[in-house]
């Protein structure tokens, strides 16, 4: 009975966070003023270091099979771009990279761009599935592939400015891999009789 209540509560929270995420995307797409406000805060490189770390709770909640946790983490990831204040100074490479990213997001959405962008939810789904099934090595492989894909996309579309994400991506990858590995091992030990 308690398990069924938890399951219903988890589903309700998952729907709430999923709805909030869709609402956030819709507002960002429909309101250039909001989009620009959020993107100004995304110039704060601290957000670049924080965002990859959301893979840690994402993997934890997938392991725990909590839809609410997964969708809550995704909502936090989406909104984290504007958690930090507008920086006082921005390097030229960061400014150039974010100008490219903004142009990419606000430009025309032809089929190739849609298909390329679908890689994000596909990769996150595969990552979630790996930890849902409690497969550490498959999950860590997906984490590495996500970091490599993000860097590749950044350099392919941003040119020299795309390299500005190298340090945040590398730090995020190392921290995520270590914490996911240690957390997974600890949870597996606690499941042993």
N, C-alpha and C. Protein backbone atom coordinates (compact mmCIF):
# COMPACT_ATOMS: atom_id res chain seq x y z
N UNK A 1 0.81 -1.19 0.00
CA UNK A 1 0.00 0.00 0.00
C UNK A 1 0.86 1.27 0.00
N UNK A 2 1.88 1.30 0.86
CA UNK A 2 2.78 2.46 0.91
C UNK A 2 3.52 2.61 -0.41
N UNK A 3 3.94 1.49 -0.97
CA UNK A 3 4.65 1.52 -2.25
C UNK A 3 3.77 2.10 -3.35
N UNK A 4 2.48 1.74 -3.34
CA UNK A 4 1.56 2.26 -4.35
C UNK A 4 1.37 3.77 -4.18
N UNK A 5 1.29 4.24 -2.93
CA UNK A 5 1.17 5.69 -2.67
C UNK A 5 2.41 6.43 -3.15
N UNK A 6 3.57 5.84 -2.85
CA UNK A 6 4.82 6.47 -3.31
C UNK A 6 4.86 6.53 -4.82
N UNK A 7 4.41 5.47 -5.46
CA UNK A 7 4.41 5.42 -6.91
C UNK A 7 3.50 6.49 -7.50
N UNK A 8 2.31 6.67 -6.91
CA UNK A 8 1.39 7.70 -7.40
C UNK A 8 1.97 9.09 -7.16
N UNK A 9 2.54 9.31 -5.99
CA UNK A 9 3.14 10.61 -5.69
C UNK A 9 4.30 10.89 -6.64
N UNK A 10 5.10 9.87 -6.90
CA UNK A 10 6.22 10.02 -7.82
C UNK A 10 5.71 10.41 -9.20
N UNK A 11 4.65 9.76 -9.65
CA UNK A 11 4.08 10.06 -10.97
C UNK A 11 3.53 11.48 -11.01
N UNK A 12 2.86 11.91 -9.95
CA UNK A 12 2.32 13.27 -9.92
C UNK A 12 3.43 14.32 -9.97
N UNK A 13 4.48 14.12 -9.18
CA UNK A 13 5.61 15.05 -9.19
C UNK A 13 6.30 15.04 -10.56
N UNK A 14 6.40 13.87 -11.16
CA UNK A 14 7.03 13.77 -12.49
C UNK A 14 6.24 14.57 -13.51
N UNK A 15 4.91 14.45 -13.47
CA UNK A 15 4.07 15.21 -14.40
C UNK A 15 4.21 16.71 -14.15
N UNK A 16 4.25 17.10 -12.87
CA UNK A 16 4.43 18.52 -12.53
C UNK A 16 5.74 19.06 -13.09
N UNK A 17 6.86 18.35 -12.82
CA UNK A 17 8.15 18.82 -13.31
C UNK A 17 8.25 18.76 -14.83
N UNK A 18 7.64 17.74 -15.43
CA UNK A 18 7.61 17.67 -16.89
C UNK A 18 6.85 18.85 -17.48
N UNK A 19 5.71 19.18 -16.86
CA UNK A 19 4.91 20.32 -17.31
C UNK A 19 5.64 21.64 -17.13
N UNK A 20 6.32 21.79 -15.98
CA UNK A 20 7.10 23.00 -15.75
C UNK A 20 8.23 23.14 -16.78
N UNK A 21 8.86 22.02 -17.12
CA UNK A 21 9.93 22.05 -18.12
C UNK A 21 9.39 22.48 -19.48
N UNK A 22 8.25 21.92 -19.88
CA UNK A 22 7.65 22.30 -21.16
C UNK A 22 7.21 23.77 -21.14
N UNK A 23 6.68 24.21 -20.00
CA UNK A 23 6.28 25.62 -19.88
C UNK A 23 7.50 26.53 -19.99
N UNK A 24 8.61 26.14 -19.36
CA UNK A 24 9.83 26.94 -19.43
C UNK A 24 10.30 27.05 -20.89
N UNK A 25 10.31 25.93 -21.60
CA UNK A 25 10.74 25.93 -23.01
C UNK A 25 9.81 26.80 -23.84
N UNK A 26 8.49 26.68 -23.60
CA UNK A 26 7.52 27.47 -24.36
C UNK A 26 7.70 28.96 -24.10
N UNK A 27 7.89 29.35 -22.84
CA UNK A 27 8.09 30.77 -22.51
C UNK A 27 9.38 31.28 -23.15
N UNK A 28 10.44 30.49 -23.06
CA UNK A 28 11.72 30.90 -23.65
C UNK A 28 11.60 31.06 -25.16
N UNK A 29 10.83 30.16 -25.80
CA UNK A 29 10.67 30.23 -27.25
C UNK A 29 9.75 31.38 -27.67
N UNK A 30 8.74 31.68 -26.84
CA UNK A 30 7.75 32.69 -27.22
C UNK A 30 8.12 34.10 -26.78
N UNK A 31 9.01 34.22 -25.82
CA UNK A 31 9.33 35.54 -25.26
C UNK A 31 10.81 35.87 -25.47
N UNK A 32 11.11 36.64 -26.51
CA UNK A 32 12.51 37.04 -26.72
C UNK A 32 13.09 37.79 -25.52
N UNK A 33 12.27 38.55 -24.82
CA UNK A 33 12.77 39.30 -23.66
C UNK A 33 13.23 38.33 -22.57
N UNK A 34 12.44 37.30 -22.28
CA UNK A 34 12.82 36.32 -21.28
C UNK A 34 14.05 35.53 -21.74
N UNK A 35 14.05 35.13 -23.00
CA UNK A 35 15.16 34.37 -23.56
C UNK A 35 16.46 35.17 -23.43
N UNK A 36 16.42 36.46 -23.78
CA UNK A 36 17.62 37.32 -23.69
C UNK A 36 18.04 37.51 -22.24
N UNK A 37 17.06 37.70 -21.33
CA UNK A 37 17.36 37.85 -19.91
C UNK A 37 18.10 36.62 -19.39
N UNK A 38 17.57 35.43 -19.73
CA UNK A 38 18.20 34.18 -19.28
C UNK A 38 19.58 34.01 -19.90
N UNK A 39 19.71 34.33 -21.17
CA UNK A 39 20.99 34.13 -21.86
C UNK A 39 22.07 35.07 -21.33
N UNK A 40 21.68 36.27 -20.89
CA UNK A 40 22.66 37.18 -20.29
C UNK A 40 23.27 36.55 -19.04
N UNK A 41 22.47 35.84 -18.28
CA UNK A 41 22.97 35.17 -17.07
C UNK A 41 23.77 33.92 -17.42
N UNK A 42 23.47 33.34 -18.55
CA UNK A 42 24.21 32.16 -19.01
C UNK A 42 25.64 32.54 -19.42
N UNK A 43 25.90 33.83 -19.59
CA UNK A 43 27.27 34.29 -19.86
C UNK A 43 28.17 34.08 -18.65
N UNK A 44 27.57 33.86 -17.48
CA UNK A 44 28.34 33.58 -16.28
C UNK A 44 28.87 32.16 -16.40
N UNK A 45 30.17 32.02 -16.55
CA UNK A 45 30.79 30.72 -16.82
C UNK A 45 30.57 29.73 -15.68
N UNK A 46 30.26 30.24 -14.50
CA UNK A 46 29.96 29.33 -13.39
C UNK A 46 28.80 28.40 -13.74
N UNK A 47 27.83 28.91 -14.50
CA UNK A 47 26.71 28.05 -14.92
C UNK A 47 27.19 26.93 -15.85
N UNK A 48 28.27 27.19 -16.58
CA UNK A 48 28.82 26.17 -17.47
C UNK A 48 29.44 25.02 -16.67
N UNK A 49 29.99 25.35 -15.51
CA UNK A 49 30.59 24.32 -14.66
C UNK A 49 29.53 23.56 -13.88
N UNK A 50 28.44 24.22 -13.54
CA UNK A 50 27.39 23.59 -12.74
C UNK A 50 26.52 22.65 -13.57
N UNK A 51 26.20 23.03 -14.78
CA UNK A 51 25.23 22.28 -15.58
C UNK A 51 25.59 20.81 -15.79
N UNK A 52 26.84 20.46 -16.11
CA UNK A 52 27.14 19.02 -16.29
C UNK A 52 26.93 18.21 -15.01
N UNK A 53 27.03 18.87 -13.85
CA UNK A 53 26.90 18.15 -12.58
C UNK A 53 25.49 17.62 -12.34
N UNK A 54 24.52 18.11 -13.11
CA UNK A 54 23.16 17.59 -12.98
C UNK A 54 23.05 16.14 -13.45
N UNK A 55 24.07 15.66 -14.16
CA UNK A 55 24.04 14.25 -14.55
C UNK A 55 24.16 13.34 -13.32
N UNK A 56 24.74 13.84 -12.23
CA UNK A 56 24.89 13.02 -11.02
C UNK A 56 23.53 12.70 -10.41
N UNK A 57 22.70 13.72 -10.08
CA UNK A 57 21.37 13.37 -9.55
C UNK A 57 20.49 12.67 -10.59
N UNK A 58 20.67 13.02 -11.86
CA UNK A 58 19.90 12.34 -12.91
C UNK A 58 20.16 10.84 -12.86
N UNK A 59 21.43 10.45 -12.79
CA UNK A 59 21.79 9.03 -12.73
C UNK A 59 21.32 8.40 -11.41
N UNK A 60 21.42 9.14 -10.31
CA UNK A 60 20.96 8.64 -9.01
C UNK A 60 19.47 8.33 -9.06
N UNK A 61 18.68 9.26 -9.59
CA UNK A 61 17.23 9.04 -9.63
C UNK A 61 16.84 7.96 -10.63
N UNK A 62 17.61 7.82 -11.70
CA UNK A 62 17.35 6.71 -12.63
C UNK A 62 17.63 5.39 -11.92
N UNK A 63 18.72 5.34 -11.17
CA UNK A 63 19.05 4.13 -10.40
C UNK A 63 17.93 3.82 -9.40
N UNK A 64 17.41 4.86 -8.76
CA UNK A 64 16.34 4.69 -7.76
C UNK A 64 14.97 4.51 -8.42
N UNK A 65 14.93 4.65 -9.74
CA UNK A 65 13.71 4.50 -10.53
C UNK A 65 12.62 5.48 -10.10
N UNK A 66 13.06 6.72 -9.96
CA UNK A 66 12.16 7.80 -9.56
C UNK A 66 11.95 8.76 -10.74
N UNK A 67 10.77 8.68 -11.33
CA UNK A 67 10.45 9.58 -12.43
C UNK A 67 10.42 11.03 -11.96
N UNK A 68 9.92 11.26 -10.75
CA UNK A 68 9.88 12.62 -10.21
C UNK A 68 11.29 13.19 -10.08
N UNK A 69 12.21 12.37 -9.59
CA UNK A 69 13.60 12.82 -9.46
C UNK A 69 14.23 13.12 -10.81
N UNK A 70 13.97 12.27 -11.78
CA UNK A 70 14.52 12.47 -13.13
C UNK A 70 13.99 13.77 -13.72
N UNK A 71 12.65 13.95 -13.69
CA UNK A 71 12.07 15.15 -14.30
C UNK A 71 12.38 16.40 -13.48
N UNK A 72 12.49 16.27 -12.17
CA UNK A 72 12.90 17.40 -11.34
C UNK A 72 14.31 17.85 -11.67
N UNK A 73 15.19 16.87 -11.89
CA UNK A 73 16.58 17.19 -12.26
C UNK A 73 16.63 17.86 -13.62
N UNK A 74 15.83 17.39 -14.57
CA UNK A 74 15.81 18.01 -15.89
C UNK A 74 15.30 19.45 -15.81
N UNK A 75 14.29 19.69 -14.96
CA UNK A 75 13.79 21.06 -14.79
C UNK A 75 14.88 21.95 -14.19
N UNK A 76 15.58 21.43 -13.20
CA UNK A 76 16.68 22.20 -12.59
C UNK A 76 17.77 22.47 -13.62
N UNK A 77 18.09 21.49 -14.44
CA UNK A 77 19.10 21.66 -15.49
C UNK A 77 18.69 22.77 -16.47
N UNK A 78 17.44 22.73 -16.91
CA UNK A 78 16.97 23.74 -17.85
C UNK A 78 17.05 25.15 -17.27
N UNK A 79 16.64 25.29 -16.02
CA UNK A 79 16.58 26.63 -15.42
C UNK A 79 17.93 27.11 -14.91
N UNK A 80 18.89 26.21 -14.76
CA UNK A 80 20.18 26.59 -14.17
C UNK A 80 20.95 27.60 -15.00
N UNK A 81 20.57 27.78 -16.25
CA UNK A 81 21.29 28.74 -17.08
C UNK A 81 21.14 30.17 -16.56
N UNK A 82 20.10 30.43 -15.75
CA UNK A 82 19.93 31.79 -15.25
C UNK A 82 19.97 31.89 -13.72
N UNK A 83 20.55 30.92 -13.08
CA UNK A 83 20.68 30.96 -11.62
C UNK A 83 21.73 31.97 -11.15
N UNK A 84 22.65 32.33 -12.00
CA UNK A 84 23.77 33.16 -11.62
C UNK A 84 23.60 34.58 -12.16
N UNK A 85 24.20 35.57 -11.52
CA UNK A 85 24.06 36.94 -12.00
C UNK A 85 24.81 37.16 -13.32
N UNK A 86 24.42 38.21 -14.00
CA UNK A 86 25.15 38.60 -15.21
C UNK A 86 26.58 38.92 -14.79
N UNK A 87 27.57 38.34 -15.47
CA UNK A 87 28.96 38.60 -15.07
C UNK A 87 29.39 40.03 -15.40
N UNK A 88 30.32 40.52 -14.62
CA UNK A 88 30.84 41.88 -14.85
C UNK A 88 31.65 41.93 -16.14
N UNK A 89 32.39 40.87 -16.42
CA UNK A 89 33.21 40.81 -17.63
C UNK A 89 33.04 39.45 -18.29
N UNK A 90 33.05 39.44 -19.60
CA UNK A 90 32.90 38.21 -20.37
C UNK A 90 34.01 38.15 -21.40
N UNK A 91 34.69 37.01 -21.49
CA UNK A 91 35.76 36.88 -22.48
C UNK A 91 35.18 36.89 -23.89
N UNK A 92 36.01 37.25 -24.84
CA UNK A 92 35.57 37.29 -26.23
C UNK A 92 35.15 35.92 -26.73
N UNK A 93 35.85 34.86 -26.31
CA UNK A 93 35.50 33.52 -26.78
C UNK A 93 34.15 33.07 -26.22
N UNK A 94 33.88 33.39 -24.96
CA UNK A 94 32.58 33.05 -24.37
C UNK A 94 31.47 33.82 -25.07
N UNK A 95 31.71 35.11 -25.30
CA UNK A 95 30.71 35.94 -25.98
C UNK A 95 30.44 35.40 -27.39
N UNK A 96 31.50 35.04 -28.11
CA UNK A 96 31.34 34.52 -29.47
C UNK A 96 30.61 33.18 -29.47
N UNK A 97 30.97 32.31 -28.52
CA UNK A 97 30.31 31.00 -28.46
C UNK A 97 28.83 31.14 -28.16
N UNK A 98 28.49 31.98 -27.19
CA UNK A 98 27.08 32.13 -26.82
C UNK A 98 26.29 32.84 -27.91
N UNK A 99 26.94 33.73 -28.67
CA UNK A 99 26.26 34.35 -29.82
C UNK A 99 25.92 33.29 -30.85
N UNK A 100 26.85 32.35 -31.07
CA UNK A 100 26.57 31.24 -31.99
C UNK A 100 25.44 30.39 -31.46
N UNK A 101 25.49 30.06 -30.17
CA UNK A 101 24.46 29.20 -29.58
C UNK A 101 23.08 29.87 -29.65
N UNK A 102 23.04 31.16 -29.39
CA UNK A 102 21.78 31.89 -29.47
C UNK A 102 21.26 31.91 -30.90
N UNK A 103 22.15 32.15 -31.86
CA UNK A 103 21.74 32.14 -33.27
C UNK A 103 21.24 30.76 -33.67
N UNK A 104 21.90 29.73 -33.16
CA UNK A 104 21.49 28.36 -33.46
C UNK A 104 20.07 28.11 -32.95
N UNK A 105 19.83 28.50 -31.70
CA UNK A 105 18.53 28.24 -31.08
C UNK A 105 17.40 29.07 -31.68
N UNK A 106 17.70 30.29 -32.10
CA UNK A 106 16.65 31.17 -32.63
C UNK A 106 16.54 31.12 -34.14
N UNK A 107 17.46 30.42 -34.81
CA UNK A 107 17.42 30.34 -36.27
C UNK A 107 16.37 29.35 -36.77
N UNK A 108 16.31 29.21 -38.06
CA UNK A 108 15.35 28.29 -38.69
C UNK A 108 15.62 26.85 -38.25
N UNK A 109 14.54 26.11 -38.07
CA UNK A 109 14.65 24.72 -37.62
C UNK A 109 14.26 23.77 -38.75
N UNK A 110 15.23 23.49 -39.63
CA UNK A 110 15.02 22.54 -40.71
C UNK A 110 15.19 21.12 -40.16
N UNK A 111 14.87 20.14 -40.95
CA UNK A 111 14.92 18.73 -40.52
C UNK A 111 16.29 18.33 -39.98
N UNK A 112 17.41 18.68 -40.64
CA UNK A 112 18.71 18.27 -40.09
C UNK A 112 18.95 18.80 -38.67
N UNK A 113 18.57 20.07 -38.42
CA UNK A 113 18.77 20.64 -37.09
C UNK A 113 17.87 19.95 -36.06
N UNK A 114 16.65 19.65 -36.44
CA UNK A 114 15.74 18.95 -35.53
C UNK A 114 16.31 17.58 -35.18
N UNK A 115 16.78 16.85 -36.18
CA UNK A 115 17.34 15.52 -35.94
C UNK A 115 18.59 15.59 -35.06
N UNK A 116 19.45 16.56 -35.32
CA UNK A 116 20.65 16.73 -34.51
C UNK A 116 20.28 17.08 -33.06
N UNK A 117 19.29 17.94 -32.90
CA UNK A 117 18.87 18.35 -31.57
C UNK A 117 18.18 17.23 -30.81
N UNK A 118 17.59 16.29 -31.52
CA UNK A 118 16.95 15.14 -30.86
C UNK A 118 17.97 14.25 -30.17
N UNK A 119 19.25 14.42 -30.51
CA UNK A 119 20.28 13.63 -29.83
C UNK A 119 20.31 13.91 -28.33
N UNK A 120 19.94 15.13 -27.93
CA UNK A 120 19.96 15.47 -26.50
C UNK A 120 18.98 14.60 -25.72
N UNK A 121 17.67 14.60 -26.06
CA UNK A 121 16.78 13.73 -25.29
C UNK A 121 17.07 12.24 -25.49
N UNK A 122 17.57 11.87 -26.65
CA UNK A 122 17.91 10.46 -26.88
C UNK A 122 19.05 10.04 -25.97
N UNK A 123 20.11 10.86 -25.90
CA UNK A 123 21.25 10.53 -25.03
C UNK A 123 20.83 10.48 -23.57
N UNK A 124 20.01 11.43 -23.13
CA UNK A 124 19.54 11.41 -21.75
C UNK A 124 18.66 10.20 -21.47
N UNK A 125 17.86 9.81 -22.44
CA UNK A 125 17.02 8.60 -22.27
C UNK A 125 17.88 7.35 -22.15
N UNK A 126 18.90 7.26 -22.99
CA UNK A 126 19.80 6.10 -22.93
C UNK A 126 20.56 6.09 -21.61
N UNK A 127 21.00 7.27 -21.15
CA UNK A 127 21.68 7.36 -19.86
C UNK A 127 20.76 6.93 -18.73
N UNK A 128 19.54 7.42 -18.75
CA UNK A 128 18.57 7.01 -17.74
C UNK A 128 18.31 5.52 -17.76
N UNK A 129 18.18 4.97 -18.96
CA UNK A 129 17.94 3.53 -19.09
C UNK A 129 19.10 2.72 -18.54
N UNK A 130 20.32 3.19 -18.77
CA UNK A 130 21.50 2.46 -18.28
C UNK A 130 21.47 2.34 -16.76
N UNK A 131 21.15 3.45 -16.08
CA UNK A 131 21.15 3.39 -14.62
C UNK A 131 19.85 2.81 -14.07
N UNK A 132 18.76 2.93 -14.80
CA UNK A 132 17.51 2.26 -14.41
C UNK A 132 17.76 0.75 -14.35
N UNK A 133 18.53 0.28 -15.32
CA UNK A 133 18.88 -1.15 -15.37
C UNK A 133 20.11 -1.47 -14.53
N UNK A 134 20.65 -0.44 -13.90
CA UNK A 134 21.79 -0.55 -13.00
C UNK A 134 23.03 -1.11 -13.69
N UNK A 135 23.32 -0.56 -14.86
CA UNK A 135 24.49 -0.96 -15.63
C UNK A 135 25.50 0.19 -15.58
N UNK A 136 26.42 0.13 -14.63
CA UNK A 136 27.38 1.20 -14.38
C UNK A 136 28.23 1.51 -15.60
N UNK A 137 28.82 0.49 -16.21
CA UNK A 137 29.79 0.75 -17.29
C UNK A 137 29.11 1.30 -18.54
N UNK A 138 27.92 0.83 -18.83
CA UNK A 138 27.17 1.39 -19.95
C UNK A 138 26.83 2.85 -19.66
N UNK A 139 26.40 3.13 -18.43
CA UNK A 139 26.07 4.48 -18.04
C UNK A 139 27.25 5.43 -18.12
N UNK A 140 28.40 5.00 -17.60
CA UNK A 140 29.60 5.85 -17.66
C UNK A 140 30.05 6.08 -19.10
N UNK A 141 29.88 5.07 -19.93
CA UNK A 141 30.21 5.23 -21.35
C UNK A 141 29.33 6.30 -21.98
N UNK A 142 28.05 6.30 -21.64
CA UNK A 142 27.13 7.32 -22.17
C UNK A 142 27.52 8.71 -21.66
N UNK A 143 27.91 8.82 -20.39
CA UNK A 143 28.35 10.11 -19.84
C UNK A 143 29.54 10.65 -20.64
N UNK A 144 30.50 9.79 -20.93
CA UNK A 144 31.67 10.20 -21.72
C UNK A 144 31.23 10.62 -23.12
N UNK A 145 30.36 9.84 -23.74
CA UNK A 145 29.89 10.18 -25.09
C UNK A 145 29.14 11.50 -25.11
N UNK A 146 28.36 11.80 -24.06
CA UNK A 146 27.65 13.08 -23.99
C UNK A 146 28.65 14.23 -23.95
N UNK A 147 29.69 14.10 -23.13
CA UNK A 147 30.71 15.16 -23.03
C UNK A 147 31.43 15.35 -24.37
N UNK A 148 31.80 14.25 -25.00
CA UNK A 148 32.50 14.33 -26.30
C UNK A 148 31.58 14.93 -27.37
N UNK A 149 30.31 14.53 -27.38
CA UNK A 149 29.36 15.06 -28.35
C UNK A 149 29.14 16.55 -28.16
N UNK A 150 29.04 17.00 -26.90
CA UNK A 150 28.85 18.43 -26.63
C UNK A 150 30.07 19.23 -27.11
N UNK A 151 31.26 18.74 -26.84
CA UNK A 151 32.46 19.44 -27.28
C UNK A 151 32.56 19.43 -28.81
N UNK A 152 32.25 18.30 -29.42
CA UNK A 152 32.30 18.20 -30.89
C UNK A 152 31.32 19.17 -31.53
N UNK A 153 30.08 19.19 -31.01
CA UNK A 153 29.07 20.12 -31.53
C UNK A 153 29.54 21.56 -31.36
N UNK A 154 30.08 21.87 -30.20
CA UNK A 154 30.51 23.23 -29.90
C UNK A 154 31.60 23.72 -30.86
N UNK A 155 32.56 22.86 -31.13
CA UNK A 155 33.65 23.23 -32.03
C UNK A 155 33.16 23.24 -33.48
N UNK A 156 32.31 22.28 -33.85
CA UNK A 156 31.81 22.22 -35.23
C UNK A 156 30.98 23.45 -35.58
N UNK A 157 30.17 23.92 -34.64
CA UNK A 157 29.30 25.06 -34.93
C UNK A 157 29.89 26.38 -34.44
N UNK A 158 30.75 26.34 -33.43
CA UNK A 158 31.30 27.57 -32.86
C UNK A 158 32.71 27.88 -33.27
N UNK A 159 33.34 26.95 -34.02
CA UNK A 159 34.72 27.18 -34.43
C UNK A 159 35.65 27.30 -33.24
N UNK A 160 36.57 28.24 -33.33
CA UNK A 160 37.55 28.44 -32.26
C UNK A 160 36.88 28.75 -30.92
N UNK A 161 35.78 29.50 -30.95
CA UNK A 161 35.06 29.85 -29.71
C UNK A 161 34.48 28.61 -29.03
N UNK A 162 34.22 27.56 -29.80
CA UNK A 162 33.67 26.32 -29.24
C UNK A 162 34.60 25.67 -28.22
N UNK A 163 35.90 25.97 -28.34
CA UNK A 163 36.85 25.40 -27.38
C UNK A 163 36.69 25.99 -25.99
N UNK A 164 35.92 27.08 -25.87
CA UNK A 164 35.73 27.71 -24.56
C UNK A 164 34.99 26.79 -23.58
N UNK A 165 34.33 25.77 -24.07
CA UNK A 165 33.63 24.85 -23.16
C UNK A 165 34.50 23.67 -22.74
N UNK A 166 35.73 23.62 -23.25
CA UNK A 166 36.59 22.47 -22.95
C UNK A 166 36.80 22.29 -21.44
N UNK A 167 37.19 23.34 -20.74
CA UNK A 167 37.45 23.20 -19.29
C UNK A 167 36.19 22.82 -18.52
N UNK A 168 35.05 23.51 -18.72
CA UNK A 168 33.84 23.08 -17.99
C UNK A 168 33.42 21.65 -18.34
N UNK A 169 33.56 21.27 -19.61
CA UNK A 169 33.18 19.91 -20.00
C UNK A 169 34.11 18.87 -19.37
N UNK A 170 35.41 19.15 -19.37
CA UNK A 170 36.38 18.21 -18.80
C UNK A 170 36.20 18.08 -17.29
N UNK A 171 36.07 19.22 -16.61
CA UNK A 171 35.87 19.18 -15.16
C UNK A 171 34.55 18.46 -14.84
N UNK A 172 33.50 18.80 -15.56
CA UNK A 172 32.21 18.15 -15.35
C UNK A 172 32.27 16.66 -15.57
N UNK A 173 32.98 16.25 -16.62
CA UNK A 173 33.09 14.82 -16.92
C UNK A 173 33.81 14.08 -15.80
N UNK A 174 34.93 14.61 -15.35
CA UNK A 174 35.71 13.94 -14.29
C UNK A 174 34.90 13.87 -13.00
N UNK A 175 34.31 15.01 -12.58
CA UNK A 175 33.53 15.02 -11.34
C UNK A 175 32.35 14.07 -11.44
N UNK A 176 31.63 14.12 -12.56
CA UNK A 176 30.48 13.22 -12.74
C UNK A 176 30.90 11.76 -12.70
N UNK A 177 31.94 11.42 -13.44
CA UNK A 177 32.37 10.02 -13.49
C UNK A 177 32.76 9.51 -12.11
N UNK A 178 33.51 10.32 -11.35
CA UNK A 178 33.95 9.90 -10.02
C UNK A 178 32.75 9.73 -9.08
N UNK A 179 31.88 10.74 -9.02
CA UNK A 179 30.74 10.67 -8.10
C UNK A 179 29.74 9.60 -8.50
N UNK A 180 29.51 9.44 -9.80
CA UNK A 180 28.59 8.39 -10.25
C UNK A 180 29.16 7.02 -9.91
N UNK A 181 30.44 6.83 -10.16
CA UNK A 181 31.07 5.53 -9.87
C UNK A 181 30.98 5.23 -8.37
N UNK A 182 31.40 6.18 -7.54
CA UNK A 182 31.39 5.95 -6.09
C UNK A 182 29.97 5.78 -5.55
N UNK A 183 29.05 6.60 -6.05
CA UNK A 183 27.65 6.49 -5.60
C UNK A 183 27.03 5.17 -6.01
N UNK A 184 27.32 4.74 -7.23
CA UNK A 184 26.79 3.47 -7.71
C UNK A 184 27.31 2.32 -6.85
N UNK A 185 28.61 2.30 -6.59
CA UNK A 185 29.20 1.24 -5.78
C UNK A 185 28.59 1.21 -4.38
N UNK A 186 28.40 2.40 -3.81
CA UNK A 186 27.82 2.47 -2.47
C UNK A 186 26.39 1.95 -2.47
N UNK A 187 25.59 2.35 -3.45
CA UNK A 187 24.19 1.88 -3.50
C UNK A 187 24.12 0.39 -3.75
N UNK A 188 25.02 -0.12 -4.56
CA UNK A 188 25.04 -1.56 -4.82
C UNK A 188 25.40 -2.33 -3.53
N UNK A 189 26.35 -1.80 -2.77
CA UNK A 189 26.71 -2.46 -1.49
C UNK A 189 25.53 -2.46 -0.52
N UNK A 190 24.79 -1.36 -0.50
CA UNK A 190 23.66 -1.28 0.44
C UNK A 190 22.52 -2.21 0.04
N UNK A 191 22.48 -2.61 -1.23
CA UNK A 191 21.44 -3.55 -1.68
C UNK A 191 21.80 -4.99 -1.37
N UNK A 192 23.08 -5.26 -1.05
CA UNK A 192 23.51 -6.63 -0.78
C UNK A 192 22.92 -7.09 0.55
N UNK A 193 22.45 -8.34 0.60
CA UNK A 193 21.87 -8.85 1.85
C UNK A 193 22.91 -9.04 2.93
